[in-house]
């Protein structure tokens, strides 16, 4: 079969050597295709993948107590317990409060759902996660959303889309973020849309009637300390038992400090020793306040965050948000990014610089090897062919341009150039032996065909395990594998024809590799004869 392929290749090569214009048009088409595919291929930081576990982040309304949150989390847990041991879920872990143990986090919960081993179940994809989201989205009283953990992302509760608006006043920021949120809810691929500038934190205010309190002999300090002791806590003493010291804390019973109405039961001791009801000297009312007033890079800012569903990528989400910002908000609205969105923006801009730097480095290395600026250019023409194949590979498996595929594309620069080096280097050697340009390239292609096929096939077969792998990290490995697989396939197939033709075009005005030595010897002979 190899002999038949060699004969077929040699016959077609002789035909295409006279199709220089067609080959140039083909290369231009490849370059245009690469540029177009780069623009339309979905982009994200890292691909979603099955890591054998997913999280459920639960958030009750601001001001919710521990008991309320605990009850809601237990109800959500029952949803997953119903399917426990049925081939998908292996273990469920629950935590309330969810993220931290601080008092301001008692309205959060966190579930860790461990999946069965990969060999005992089907692949758990973003589609499965979308179904769980739909189930949890209708759960009353809390916000609950599932998250598939990723190796390079931040905290489990952090949303991938974090779009920052910066302005001069918080009033205009509130107006702007409401305009954007009205538009965002129309996009079904963005869910759990939230911001950090909401009047959602309940606050109980107590207003003391100073004149009435003074008439009754009740000091403001006494009122404050009484409320602090009853609804907070106060250490009154310590006692020692079995060599250990314990604090004695004074506070009201838990059932008498759960509700704001419990303030009606509080009495305060006056200067005369009498007990005066708190309601006689103070009124209390509930109002909403900002959870926080944030700044970003020293400017007043609000962060709009959201999660992605339906295969929506972070690049599509950010492009959408940037578009509606330009369309709906005034020109003085400034945009920035946080978290994964910021990482994505940074890596997206850096990849072009790194790719150009890799091309430039490879070109200089080849120029030093061949002692020529033209021959490396011939070899570097294999890179667009490999890149085209790599991007097509991403479309084949439905992946994206992410940090893993970008690394694979950079690796392709060296792998693809290898085939061109084998052909051009041997052709130059044949020219030093006296062969003409065309004869040298034809003979080089004939002799170098088998080495090129062997090395390329070895590389292609070597990445197959990455493509078919399962288990944690399989998606990232498959991305690297398919880019190298398809890139080498395209580069190997087309290099065998493109390099010889371009060698004839670019190298037609170049001399032999030993031309300088021959000229020097000639001049030395002429000088010695004189």
Protein backbone atom coordinates (compact mmCIF):
# COMPACT_ATOMS: atom_id res chain seq x y z
CA UNK A 1 0.00 0.00 0.00
CA UNK A 2 2.85 2.37 0.77
CA UNK A 3 4.36 1.81 -2.68
CA UNK A 4 1.00 2.51 -4.30
CA UNK A 5 0.61 5.67 -2.27
CA UNK A 6 4.16 6.73 -3.16
CA UNK A 7 3.46 6.28 -6.87
CA UNK A 8 0.18 8.18 -6.58
CA UNK A 9 1.87 11.01 -4.69
CA UNK A 10 4.72 11.26 -7.18
CA UNK A 11 2.36 11.41 -10.16
CA UNK A 12 0.13 14.08 -8.60
CA UNK A 13 3.17 16.07 -7.46
CA UNK A 14 4.50 16.29 -11.02
CA UNK A 15 1.14 17.66 -12.12
CA UNK A 16 0.84 20.23 -9.33
CA UNK A 17 4.37 21.56 -9.81
CA UNK A 18 3.02 23.39 -12.86
CA UNK A 19 0.00 24.77 -10.92
CA UNK A 20 1.84 27.57 -9.13
CA UNK A 21 -0.96 30.10 -9.46
CA UNK A 22 -3.53 27.63 -8.13
CA UNK A 23 -1.33 26.76 -5.13
CA UNK A 24 -0.88 30.45 -4.28
CA UNK A 25 -4.65 30.99 -4.48
CA UNK A 26 -5.12 27.93 -2.26
CA UNK A 27 -2.73 29.34 0.37
CA UNK A 28 -4.49 32.71 0.32
CA UNK A 29 -7.79 30.89 0.82
CA UNK A 30 -6.30 29.00 3.76
CA UNK A 31 -5.13 32.25 5.38
CA UNK A 32 -8.54 33.86 4.92
CA UNK A 33 -10.26 30.75 6.30
CA UNK A 34 -8.01 30.75 9.37
CA UNK A 35 -8.81 34.41 10.09
CA UNK A 36 -12.56 33.86 9.67
CA UNK A 37 -12.59 30.70 11.79
CA UNK A 38 -10.57 32.43 14.51
CA UNK A 39 -13.26 35.11 14.72
CA UNK A 40 -16.33 32.84 14.67
CA UNK A 41 -15.03 29.99 16.83
CA UNK A 42 -16.50 30.17 20.37
CA UNK A 43 -13.98 31.36 22.94
CA UNK A 44 -13.75 30.69 26.66
CA UNK A 45 -11.13 30.38 29.36
CA UNK A 46 -11.38 26.61 29.84
CA UNK A 47 -13.88 24.05 28.51
CA UNK A 48 -16.58 22.59 30.78
CA UNK A 49 -15.76 19.05 31.80
CA UNK A 50 -16.93 16.14 33.90
CA UNK A 51 -14.80 16.09 37.06
CA UNK A 52 -16.89 13.57 38.99
CA UNK A 53 -18.47 16.16 41.27
CA UNK A 54 -20.64 19.24 41.10
CA UNK A 55 -21.68 21.85 43.64
CA UNK A 56 -25.00 23.46 44.45
CA UNK A 57 -24.75 26.99 45.80
CA UNK A 58 -27.80 28.12 47.77
CA UNK A 59 -28.59 31.67 48.82
CA UNK A 60 -31.58 32.75 50.87
CA UNK A 61 -32.79 36.37 50.88
CA UNK A 62 -30.63 38.86 52.78
CA UNK A 63 -31.54 38.87 56.45
CA UNK A 64 -32.68 35.23 56.50
CA UNK A 65 -31.77 33.39 59.67
CA UNK A 66 -29.88 30.14 60.12
CA UNK A 67 -32.98 28.03 60.79
CA UNK A 68 -34.77 29.29 57.66
CA UNK A 69 -31.71 28.65 55.48
CA UNK A 70 -31.13 25.22 57.02
CA UNK A 71 -34.73 24.18 56.31
CA UNK A 72 -34.49 25.23 52.65
CA UNK A 73 -31.13 23.51 52.18
CA UNK A 74 -32.50 20.27 53.65
CA UNK A 75 -35.45 20.41 51.24
CA UNK A 76 -33.07 20.81 48.30
CA UNK A 77 -30.95 17.96 49.63
CA UNK A 78 -34.01 15.68 49.47
CA UNK A 79 -34.19 16.22 45.70
CA UNK A 80 -30.77 14.62 45.28
CA UNK A 81 -31.27 12.01 48.00
CA UNK A 82 -34.15 10.60 45.96
CA UNK A 83 -31.65 9.60 43.24
CA UNK A 84 -28.82 8.57 45.55
CA UNK A 85 -27.45 5.11 44.76
CA UNK A 86 -29.32 4.83 41.45
CA UNK A 87 -26.27 4.96 39.21
CA UNK A 88 -25.47 8.67 39.17
CA UNK A 89 -25.02 10.16 42.65
CA UNK A 90 -22.63 8.46 45.07
CA UNK A 91 -22.55 10.80 48.04
CA UNK A 92 -23.98 14.17 49.09
CA UNK A 93 -22.33 16.57 51.53
CA UNK A 94 -24.13 19.59 52.98
CA UNK A 95 -22.91 22.73 54.72
CA UNK A 96 -24.78 25.66 56.27
CA UNK A 97 -23.52 28.44 56.24
CA UNK A 98 -22.19 27.82 52.81
CA UNK A 99 -19.08 29.86 52.17
CA UNK A 100 -17.86 31.11 55.52
CA UNK A 101 -18.84 30.74 59.13
CA UNK A 102 -19.36 34.48 59.62
CA UNK A 103 -22.66 35.88 60.82
CA UNK A 104 -23.20 37.66 57.49
CA UNK A 105 -23.17 34.32 55.66
CA UNK A 106 -25.91 32.44 57.55
CA UNK A 107 -28.23 32.89 54.57
CA UNK A 108 -26.06 30.65 52.36
CA UNK A 109 -25.81 26.91 51.89
CA UNK A 110 -23.54 24.59 49.95
CA UNK A 111 -24.02 21.07 48.59
CA UNK A 112 -21.25 18.84 47.24
CA UNK A 113 -22.67 16.08 45.05
CA UNK A 114 -20.18 13.29 44.34
CA UNK A 115 -20.92 11.28 41.20
CA UNK A 116 -20.38 7.59 40.63
CA UNK A 117 -17.14 6.42 39.06
CA UNK A 118 -16.88 7.18 35.33
CA UNK A 119 -17.05 3.49 34.46
CA UNK A 120 -20.41 3.09 36.21
CA UNK A 121 -22.29 5.96 34.57
CA UNK A 122 -22.67 8.02 31.43
CA UNK A 123 -20.78 11.26 30.91
CA UNK A 124 -22.13 14.12 33.01
CA UNK A 125 -22.28 17.13 30.71
CA UNK A 126 -23.40 20.73 30.80
CA UNK A 127 -26.76 19.53 29.46
CA UNK A 128 -27.26 17.46 32.62
CA UNK A 129 -26.34 20.48 34.68
CA UNK A 130 -28.86 22.55 32.73
CA UNK A 131 -31.62 20.10 33.67
CA UNK A 132 -30.68 20.35 37.34
CA UNK A 133 -30.70 24.13 37.07
CA UNK A 134 -34.23 24.11 35.68
CA UNK A 135 -35.29 21.90 38.58
CA UNK A 136 -33.69 24.15 41.19
CA UNK A 137 -34.73 27.40 39.53
CA UNK A 138 -38.36 26.77 40.44
CA UNK A 139 -37.55 26.04 44.10
CA UNK A 140 -39.31 28.68 46.25
CA UNK A 141 -37.72 30.88 48.87
CA UNK A 142 -34.06 30.64 47.83
CA UNK A 143 -31.76 30.96 44.85
CA UNK A 144 -30.05 27.65 44.06
CA UNK A 145 -27.79 26.86 41.13
CA UNK A 146 -25.46 23.96 40.25
CA UNK A 147 -21.79 24.49 39.37
CA UNK A 148 -19.35 22.13 37.66
CA UNK A 149 -15.92 22.85 39.20
CA UNK A 150 -13.05 23.65 36.86
CA UNK A 151 -9.34 23.45 37.52
CA UNK A 152 -8.42 27.08 36.73
CA UNK A 153 -11.46 28.89 38.06
CA UNK A 154 -11.85 30.76 41.29
CA UNK A 155 -14.09 29.98 44.24
CA UNK A 156 -17.05 27.66 43.89
CA UNK A 157 -19.52 30.49 44.45
CA UNK A 158 -17.93 32.80 41.89
CA UNK A 159 -19.89 33.39 38.71
CA UNK A 160 -18.00 33.26 35.39
CA UNK A 161 -19.54 36.45 34.02
CA UNK A 162 -18.52 39.48 36.10
CA UNK A 163 -19.14 42.70 34.21
CA UNK A 164 -18.11 45.89 36.00
CA UNK A 165 -19.71 49.28 35.37
CA UNK A 166 -17.84 52.33 36.67
CA UNK A 167 -19.32 55.80 37.06
CA UNK A 168 -19.13 59.06 38.97
CA UNK A 169 -22.00 58.49 41.41
CA UNK A 170 -23.80 55.49 42.85
CA UNK A 171 -27.11 57.00 41.80
CA UNK A 172 -26.21 56.84 38.10
CA UNK A 173 -24.73 53.35 38.59
CA UNK A 174 -28.05 52.15 40.03
CA UNK A 175 -29.87 53.58 37.02
CA UNK A 176 -27.42 52.02 34.55
CA UNK A 177 -27.39 48.57 36.10
CA UNK A 178 -31.19 48.41 36.09
CA UNK A 179 -31.20 49.27 32.37
CA UNK A 180 -28.69 46.49 31.68
CA UNK A 181 -30.47 43.93 33.85
CA UNK A 182 -33.71 44.63 32.00
CA UNK A 183 -31.95 43.72 28.75
CA UNK A 184 -29.99 40.78 30.19
CA UNK A 185 -33.09 38.91 31.36
CA UNK A 186 -34.15 38.73 27.71
CA UNK A 187 -31.10 36.55 27.01
CA UNK A 188 -32.08 33.01 28.04
CA UNK A 189 -28.45 31.90 28.08
CA UNK A 190 -27.61 34.17 31.03
CA UNK A 191 -29.13 33.09 34.35
CA UNK A 192 -28.82 34.02 38.03
CA UNK A 193 -28.27 37.64 37.01
CA UNK A 194 -27.31 39.66 40.07
CA UNK A 195 -25.40 42.75 41.14
CA UNK A 196 -23.66 44.01 44.27
CA UNK A 197 -25.52 47.31 44.58
CA UNK A 198 -28.99 46.37 45.80
CA UNK A 199 -31.14 47.67 48.64
CA UNK A 200 -31.74 44.12 49.83
CA UNK A 201 -30.09 44.02 53.24
CA UNK A 202 -32.71 44.50 56.00
CA UNK A 203 -31.70 46.71 58.86
CA UNK A 204 -33.56 47.24 62.15
CA UNK A 205 -33.24 50.77 63.46
CA UNK A 206 -34.06 51.83 67.02
CA UNK A 207 -34.92 55.49 67.64
CA UNK A 208 -34.63 56.58 71.24
CA UNK A 209 -36.81 59.37 72.61
CA UNK A 210 -34.09 61.10 74.64
CA UNK A 211 -36.46 63.46 76.49
CA UNK A 212 -38.81 60.71 77.60
CA UNK A 213 -35.91 58.46 78.57
CA UNK A 214 -34.45 61.27 80.69
CA UNK A 215 -37.81 61.81 82.42
CA UNK A 216 -37.97 58.11 83.33
CA UNK A 217 -34.33 57.99 84.43
CA UNK A 218 -33.19 55.69 81.64
CA UNK A 219 -29.82 56.44 80.05
CA UNK A 220 -28.99 55.83 76.40
CA UNK A 221 -25.99 53.77 77.50
CA UNK A 222 -28.25 51.49 79.54
CA UNK A 223 -30.56 50.97 76.57
CA UNK A 224 -27.66 50.12 74.26
CA UNK A 225 -26.05 47.68 76.70
CA UNK A 226 -29.37 45.96 77.39
CA UNK A 227 -30.08 45.39 73.70
CA UNK A 228 -26.50 44.27 73.11
CA UNK A 229 -26.71 41.74 75.95
CA UNK A 230 -30.14 40.35 75.07
CA UNK A 231 -29.76 40.04 71.30
CA UNK A 232 -26.00 39.74 71.02
CA UNK A 233 -24.09 38.37 73.96
CA UNK A 234 -21.95 39.49 76.85
CA UNK A 235 -19.29 37.64 78.76
CA UNK A 236 -20.06 38.11 82.47
CA UNK A 237 -17.54 35.79 84.06
CA UNK A 238 -15.49 32.63 83.66
CA UNK A 239 -15.43 29.35 85.53
CA UNK A 240 -12.95 26.52 85.64
CA UNK A 241 -13.76 22.83 85.41
CA UNK A 242 -11.34 19.92 85.09
CA UNK A 243 -8.50 22.31 84.46
CA UNK A 244 -10.25 24.09 81.59
CA UNK A 245 -11.62 27.62 81.65
CA UNK A 246 -15.07 28.38 80.20
CA UNK A 247 -16.76 31.71 79.44
CA UNK A 248 -20.18 32.45 80.89
CA UNK A 249 -22.22 34.27 78.25
CA UNK A 250 -25.36 36.23 79.05
CA UNK A 251 -28.04 36.60 76.35
CA UNK A 252 -31.74 36.02 75.78
CA UNK A 253 -33.08 32.60 74.96
CA UNK A 254 -32.98 31.82 71.24
CA UNK A 255 -36.78 31.89 70.89
CA UNK A 256 -36.83 35.41 72.34
CA UNK A 257 -34.30 36.88 69.89
CA UNK A 258 -35.42 35.53 66.53
CA UNK A 259 -37.98 38.17 65.58
CA UNK A 260 -37.98 41.99 65.69
CA UNK A 261 -41.20 41.82 67.74
CA UNK A 262 -39.19 40.34 70.61
CA UNK A 263 -37.99 43.89 71.30
CA UNK A 264 -41.45 44.50 72.79
CA UNK A 265 -40.54 42.17 75.65
CA UNK A 266 -37.35 43.99 76.60
CA UNK A 267 -37.26 46.08 79.77
CA UNK A 268 -34.53 48.50 80.82
CA UNK A 269 -33.52 49.34 84.39
CA UNK A 270 -33.77 53.02 85.27
CA UNK A 271 -31.56 54.98 87.64
CA UNK A 272 -34.12 54.42 90.40
CA UNK A 273 -33.96 50.65 89.94
CA UNK A 274 -37.35 50.30 88.31
CA UNK A 275 -37.82 48.27 85.10
CA UNK A 276 -39.06 50.37 82.20
CA UNK A 277 -40.38 48.76 78.97
CA UNK A 278 -38.14 49.55 76.00
CA UNK A 279 -41.21 50.56 73.99
CA UNK A 280 -41.81 53.41 76.46
CA UNK A 281 -38.59 55.17 75.52
CA UNK A 282 -37.85 53.97 71.97
CA UNK A 283 -39.46 53.04 68.70
CA UNK A 284 -38.05 50.65 66.15
CA UNK A 285 -38.61 50.12 62.46
CA UNK A 286 -37.14 48.07 59.64
CA UNK A 287 -35.60 49.50 56.48
CA UNK A 288 -33.48 48.26 53.60
CA UNK A 289 -29.93 49.36 53.00
CA UNK A 290 -27.11 48.61 50.61
CA UNK A 291 -25.22 45.40 51.21
CA UNK A 292 -22.05 47.28 50.30
CA UNK A 293 -20.85 50.31 48.34
CA UNK A 294 -18.02 49.04 46.21
CA UNK A 295 -15.17 50.60 44.31
CA UNK A 296 -13.06 49.05 41.57
CA UNK A 297 -9.68 50.49 40.67
CA UNK A 298 -10.49 53.45 42.95
CA UNK A 299 -13.71 54.27 41.09
CA UNK A 300 -17.32 53.83 42.14
CA UNK A 301 -18.48 50.59 40.56
CA UNK A 302 -21.21 47.99 40.38
CA UNK A 303 -20.54 44.41 39.29
CA UNK A 304 -23.21 42.59 37.30
CA UNK A 305 -22.71 38.83 37.51
CA UNK A 306 -24.38 35.90 35.77
CA UNK A 307 -24.02 32.22 34.97
CA UNK A 308 -23.98 30.57 31.55
CA UNK A 309 -26.30 27.84 30.29
CA UNK A 310 -27.07 26.19 26.98
CA UNK A 311 -23.47 26.01 25.77
CA UNK A 312 -23.17 29.80 25.85
CA UNK A 313 -19.50 30.79 26.06
CA UNK A 314 -18.00 33.58 28.10
CA UNK A 315 -16.85 35.39 24.95
CA UNK A 316 -20.42 35.47 23.62
CA UNK A 317 -21.69 36.71 26.98
CA UNK A 318 -19.14 39.53 27.27
CA UNK A 319 -19.67 40.58 23.65
CA UNK A 320 -23.41 40.72 24.34
CA UNK A 321 -22.93 42.84 27.47
CA UNK A 322 -20.50 45.18 25.74
CA UNK A 323 -22.96 45.59 22.88
CA UNK A 324 -25.96 46.54 25.02
CA UNK A 325 -23.75 48.84 27.10
CA UNK A 326 -22.77 50.82 24.00
CA UNK A 327 -26.36 50.82 22.78
CA UNK A 328 -28.24 51.64 25.99
CA UNK A 329 -25.86 53.57 28.25
CA UNK A 330 -24.22 57.00 27.85
CA UNK A 331 -20.65 57.38 26.67
CA UNK A 332 -19.32 58.13 30.16
CA UNK A 333 -20.22 54.61 31.36
CA UNK A 334 -16.91 52.80 31.77
CA UNK A 335 -16.54 49.02 31.54
CA UNK A 336 -14.20 46.63 33.32
CA UNK A 337 -14.09 42.96 34.32
CA UNK A 338 -13.51 40.74 37.33
CA UNK A 339 -12.76 37.10 38.08
CA UNK A 340 -12.91 34.64 35.23
CA UNK A 341 -14.10 37.35 32.83
CA UNK A 342 -10.93 39.33 33.54
CA UNK A 343 -8.76 36.22 33.13
CA UNK A 344 -10.44 35.47 29.82
CA UNK A 345 -9.88 39.01 28.53
CA UNK A 346 -6.22 38.89 29.55
CA UNK A 347 -5.54 35.49 27.96
CA UNK A 348 -7.44 36.44 24.79
CA UNK A 349 -5.22 39.45 24.21
CA UNK A 350 -2.03 37.66 25.24
CA UNK A 351 -2.51 34.69 22.89
CA UNK A 352 -2.01 36.81 19.77
CA UNK A 353 1.25 38.22 21.09
CA UNK A 354 2.46 34.77 22.16
CA UNK A 355 1.50 33.25 18.81
CA UNK A 356 3.33 35.96 16.85
CA UNK A 357 6.33 35.61 19.15
CA UNK A 358 6.37 31.83 18.58
CA UNK A 359 6.24 32.32 14.80
CA UNK A 360 9.02 34.90 14.92
CA UNK A 361 11.21 32.69 17.11
CA UNK A 362 10.70 29.69 14.83
CA UNK A 363 11.48 31.81 11.76
CA UNK A 364 14.72 33.14 13.26
CA UNK A 365 15.79 29.64 14.28
CA UNK A 366 15.21 28.35 10.76
CA UNK A 367 16.99 31.36 9.26
CA UNK A 368 20.04 30.55 11.38
CA UNK A 369 19.86 26.88 10.38
CA UNK A 370 19.54 27.49 6.63
CA UNK A 371 21.59 30.70 6.55
CA UNK A 372 18.83 32.19 4.45
CA UNK A 373 15.77 34.41 4.86
CA UNK A 374 13.84 32.79 2.00
CA UNK A 375 13.92 29.08 2.78
CA UNK A 376 12.44 29.54 6.29
CA UNK A 377 9.57 31.45 4.69
CA UNK A 378 8.82 28.40 2.55
CA UNK A 379 8.76 26.18 5.63
CA UNK A 380 6.59 28.58 7.67
CA UNK A 381 3.85 28.32 5.04
CA UNK A 382 2.97 24.95 6.60
CA UNK A 383 1.77 26.71 9.77
CA UNK A 384 -1.52 28.11 8.34
CA UNK A 385 -2.35 24.63 7.03
CA UNK A 386 -1.86 23.12 10.49
CA UNK A 387 -3.79 25.91 12.22
CA UNK A 388 -6.71 25.46 9.81
CA UNK A 389 -6.83 21.74 10.57
CA UNK A 390 -6.63 22.38 14.32
CA UNK A 391 -9.54 24.84 14.32
CA UNK A 392 -11.64 22.50 12.15
CA UNK A 393 -10.92 19.82 14.74
CA UNK A 394 -12.41 22.05 17.44
CA UNK A 395 -15.58 22.40 15.39
CA UNK A 396 -15.72 18.62 14.87
CA UNK A 397 -15.92 17.90 18.62
CA UNK A 398 -17.87 21.07 19.45
CA UNK A 399 -15.08 22.59 21.52
CA UNK A 400 -13.83 26.16 21.74
CA UNK A 401 -10.73 28.30 21.58
CA UNK A 402 -9.59 28.07 25.19
CA UNK A 403 -6.31 27.99 27.06
CA UNK A 404 -5.74 24.31 26.17
CA UNK A 405 -6.50 24.62 22.45
CA UNK A 406 -4.33 27.74 22.28
CA UNK A 407 -1.39 25.82 23.74
CA UNK A 408 -1.98 23.05 21.20
CA UNK A 409 -2.01 25.56 18.33
CA UNK A 410 1.35 26.93 19.46
CA UNK A 411 2.74 23.38 19.65
CA UNK A 412 1.56 22.86 16.06
CA UNK A 413 3.97 25.55 14.84
CA UNK A 414 6.93 23.31 15.61
CA UNK A 415 5.26 20.05 14.62
CA UNK A 416 4.08 21.35 11.26
CA UNK A 417 7.40 23.00 10.40
CA UNK A 418 9.17 19.67 10.84
CA UNK A 419 7.83 18.29 7.55
CA UNK A 420 8.91 21.35 5.62
CA UNK A 421 12.39 21.18 7.16
CA UNK A 422 12.84 17.59 5.97
CA UNK A 423 11.98 18.51 2.38
CA UNK A 424 13.79 21.86 2.10
CA UNK A 425 16.95 20.77 3.88
CA UNK A 426 17.44 17.69 1.69
CA UNK A 427 16.64 19.68 -1.46
CA UNK A 428 19.38 22.16 -0.53
CA UNK A 429 21.82 19.29 0.00
CA UNK A 430 20.98 17.90 -3.44
CA UNK A 431 21.58 21.31 -5.00
CA UNK A 432 25.07 21.37 -3.48
CA UNK A 433 25.67 18.10 -5.33
CA UNK A 434 24.92 19.78 -8.64
CA UNK A 435 21.19 19.14 -9.17
CA UNK A 436 19.02 21.90 -10.56
CA UNK A 437 16.29 23.52 -8.45
CA UNK A 438 13.37 21.52 -9.86
CA UNK A 439 15.24 18.22 -9.94
CA UNK A 440 16.39 18.72 -6.36
CA UNK A 441 12.91 19.36 -4.95
CA UNK A 442 11.38 16.42 -6.83
CA UNK A 443 14.08 14.04 -5.59
CA UNK A 444 13.79 15.44 -2.07
CA UNK A 445 10.04 14.80 -2.00
CA UNK A 446 10.53 11.25 -3.27
CA UNK A 447 13.22 10.39 -0.72
CA UNK A 448 11.68 12.22 2.24
CA UNK A 449 8.12 10.91 1.77
CA UNK A 450 8.52 7.91 4.06
CA UNK A 451 10.29 9.77 6.90
CA UNK A 452 7.57 12.44 6.78
CA UNK A 453 4.80 9.84 6.88
CA UNK A 454 6.44 7.89 9.70
CA UNK A 455 6.99 10.88 11.97
CA UNK A 456 3.59 12.40 11.21
CA UNK A 457 1.67 9.15 11.68
CA UNK A 458 3.53 8.55 14.94
CA UNK A 459 2.51 12.00 16.18
CA UNK A 460 -1.10 11.56 15.05
CA UNK A 461 -1.44 8.13 16.64
CA UNK A 462 0.29 9.40 19.77
CA UNK A 463 -2.49 11.90 20.53
CA UNK A 464 -5.37 9.45 19.95
CA UNK A 465 -5.40 8.43 23.65
CA UNK A 466 -5.93 12.09 24.54
CA UNK A 467 -8.98 12.24 22.27
CA UNK A 468 -10.67 9.07 23.52
CA UNK A 469 -9.72 9.48 27.20
CA UNK A 470 -12.38 9.53 29.92
CA UNK A 471 -12.31 10.61 33.53
CA UNK A 472 -11.42 13.92 35.17
CA UNK A 473 -9.83 16.40 32.78
CA UNK A 474 -10.94 14.46 29.70
CA UNK A 475 -12.38 17.55 28.00
CA UNK A 476 -9.14 19.50 28.24
CA UNK A 477 -7.08 16.52 27.03
CA UNK A 478 -9.49 15.93 24.14
CA UNK A 479 -9.15 19.57 23.12
CA UNK A 480 -5.36 19.33 22.98
CA UNK A 481 -5.53 15.96 21.22
CA UNK A 482 -7.98 16.92 18.48
CA UNK A 483 -6.11 20.13 17.64
CA UNK A 484 -2.81 18.29 17.19
CA UNK A 485 -4.50 15.34 15.44
CA UNK A 486 -6.34 17.41 12.82
CA UNK A 487 -3.55 19.97 12.54
CA UNK A 488 -0.93 17.33 11.74
CA UNK A 489 -3.33 15.56 9.38
CA UNK A 490 -3.90 18.73 7.35
CA UNK A 491 -0.27 19.81 7.52
CA UNK A 492 1.04 16.41 6.40
CA UNK A 493 -1.41 16.07 3.54
CA UNK A 494 -0.98 19.54 2.06
CA UNK A 495 2.68 20.10 2.95
CA UNK A 496 3.67 17.36 0.52
CA UNK A 497 2.34 19.53 -2.32
CA UNK A 498 2.54 23.11 -1.06
CA UNK A 499 6.19 23.06 0.04
CA UNK A 500 7.62 21.81 -3.31
CA UNK A 501 5.66 24.38 -5.32
CA UNK A 502 6.51 27.26 -3.00
CA UNK A 503 10.15 26.14 -2.94
CA UNK A 504 10.25 26.57 -6.71
CA UNK A 505 8.65 30.02 -6.44
CA UNK A 506 10.59 31.43 -3.48
CA UNK A 507 13.86 29.65 -4.10
CA UNK A 508 14.20 30.28 -7.84
CA UNK A 509 16.60 33.20 -7.32
CA UNK A 510 18.57 31.59 -4.52
CA UNK A 511 21.93 29.98 -5.03
CA UNK A 512 23.31 26.74 -3.72
CA UNK A 513 23.96 26.48 0.02
CA UNK A 514 27.70 26.32 -0.73
CA UNK A 515 27.62 29.18 -3.25
CA UNK A 516 29.64 31.44 -0.95
CA UNK A 517 32.30 28.77 -0.48
CA UNK A 518 32.51 28.14 -4.24
CA UNK A 519 32.86 31.85 -4.97
CA UNK A 520 35.52 32.19 -2.27
CA UNK A 521 37.52 29.26 -3.67
CA UNK A 522 37.23 30.74 -7.14
CA UNK A 523 38.59 34.08 -5.98
CA UNK A 524 41.42 32.37 -4.08
CA UNK A 525 42.44 30.43 -7.19
CA UNK A 526 42.39 33.59 -9.29
CA UNK A 527 44.48 35.39 -6.70
CA UNK A 528 47.02 32.56 -6.46
CA UNK A 529 47.37 32.31 -10.27
CA UNK A 530 48.34 35.97 -10.41
